[in-house]
Amino acid sequence: MGADTDDDRIQEFDCRETTGNPFEEILTALDVLPDDEMLVLIADHEPEPLYSVLEEHGYTHETSQATDDEWRVTVTER
C-alpha cells in the first residue's frame, strides 16, 4: 500500500507507483483499512473520476494540491 506516515492513523497510497488504472487497488486498500484510520492517496493529477466511486462506496474525501504535479486526497469512512 505504501509507507505509513508519522501518524499511525494515516496510511499513504502513492498512485504514481501503480501501472494502469489504480481504482481496484485503492478500493482494496480501503477495504483492509481499519475503521479508525484514513488513507491518503497521492497522485500526479486531480483524480476527479475517483470522487464519485469513493462516494458510492461510503467514503468522504478532502483534496489538496501540494505541488503542480502532486495531489493528495484524504479518504475517510462516513
Protein backbone atom coordinates (compact mmCIF):
# COMPACT_ATOMS: atom_id res chain seq x y z
CA MET A 1 0.00 0.00 0.00
CA GLY A 2 2.77 2.43 0.71
CA ALA A 3 4.56 3.85 3.67
CA ASP A 4 2.92 4.77 6.92
CA THR A 5 3.26 8.38 7.94
CA ASP A 6 4.29 9.59 11.40
CA ASP A 7 0.63 9.50 12.45
CA ASP A 8 -0.24 5.83 12.95
CA ARG A 9 -3.82 6.52 11.85
CA ILE A 10 -2.78 7.60 8.36
CA GLN A 11 -1.82 5.20 5.58
CA GLU A 12 -0.44 6.52 2.27
CA PHE A 13 -1.09 5.04 -1.15
CA ASP A 14 1.04 6.53 -3.93
CA CYS A 15 -0.95 6.12 -7.14
CA ARG A 16 2.07 7.28 -9.13
CA GLU A 17 3.71 3.93 -8.39
CA THR A 18 0.92 1.87 -9.97
CA THR A 19 0.57 0.86 -13.60
CA GLY A 20 -2.75 1.30 -15.31
CA ASN A 21 -5.95 2.22 -13.52
CA PRO A 22 -5.43 2.19 -9.73
CA PHE A 23 -9.18 2.10 -8.81
CA GLU A 24 -9.19 -1.55 -7.78
CA GLU A 25 -6.00 -1.20 -5.74
CA ILE A 26 -7.43 1.86 -3.99
CA LEU A 27 -10.68 0.06 -3.15
CA THR A 28 -8.73 -2.95 -1.87
CA ALA A 29 -6.60 -0.66 0.32
CA LEU A 30 -9.77 0.93 1.70
CA ASP A 31 -11.36 -2.48 2.37
CA VAL A 32 -8.49 -3.50 4.67
CA LEU A 33 -8.10 -0.10 6.30
CA PRO A 34 -9.09 -0.18 10.00
CA ASP A 35 -12.12 1.96 10.92
CA ASP A 36 -10.11 4.49 12.91
CA GLU A 37 -7.60 5.14 10.13
CA MET A 38 -7.60 7.22 6.96
CA LEU A 39 -5.99 6.72 3.59
CA VAL A 40 -4.07 9.49 1.85
CA LEU A 41 -3.87 8.98 -1.91
CA ILE A 42 -1.02 10.69 -3.73
CA ALA A 43 -1.48 11.36 -7.45
CA ASP A 44 0.14 13.40 -10.20
CA HIS A 45 -3.21 14.98 -11.17
CA GLU A 46 -6.54 15.67 -9.51
CA PRO A 47 -8.34 12.31 -9.58
CA GLU A 48 -11.84 13.72 -10.16
CA PRO A 49 -13.32 10.44 -11.53
CA LEU A 50 -12.39 8.77 -8.24
CA TYR A 51 -14.64 11.05 -6.17
CA SER A 52 -17.93 9.50 -7.29
CA VAL A 53 -16.50 5.99 -6.80
CA LEU A 54 -15.49 6.89 -3.25
CA GLU A 55 -18.93 8.31 -2.51
CA GLU A 56 -20.64 5.19 -3.92
CA HIS A 57 -18.60 3.07 -1.50
CA GLY A 58 -19.40 5.22 1.55
CA TYR A 59 -16.27 7.34 1.80
CA THR A 60 -15.70 11.07 2.03
CA HIS A 61 -12.61 12.88 0.83
CA GLU A 62 -10.66 16.10 1.08
CA THR A 63 -8.35 17.09 -1.74
CA SER A 64 -5.37 19.41 -1.72
CA GLN A 65 -2.75 20.26 -4.28
CA ALA A 66 0.75 20.02 -2.78
CA THR A 67 2.66 20.97 -5.95
CA ASP A 68 1.90 21.31 -9.66
CA ASP A 69 2.20 17.55 -10.08
CA GLU A 70 1.22 16.26 -6.63
CA TRP A 71 -2.33 15.98 -5.39
CA ARG A 72 -3.30 14.48 -2.01
CA VAL A 73 -6.72 13.02 -1.35
CA THR A 74 -7.50 12.14 2.26
CA VAL A 75 -10.17 9.44 2.35
CA THR A 76 -12.25 8.55 5.41
CA GLU A 77 -15.37 6.50 6.04
CA ARG A 78 -18.61 8.41 6.52
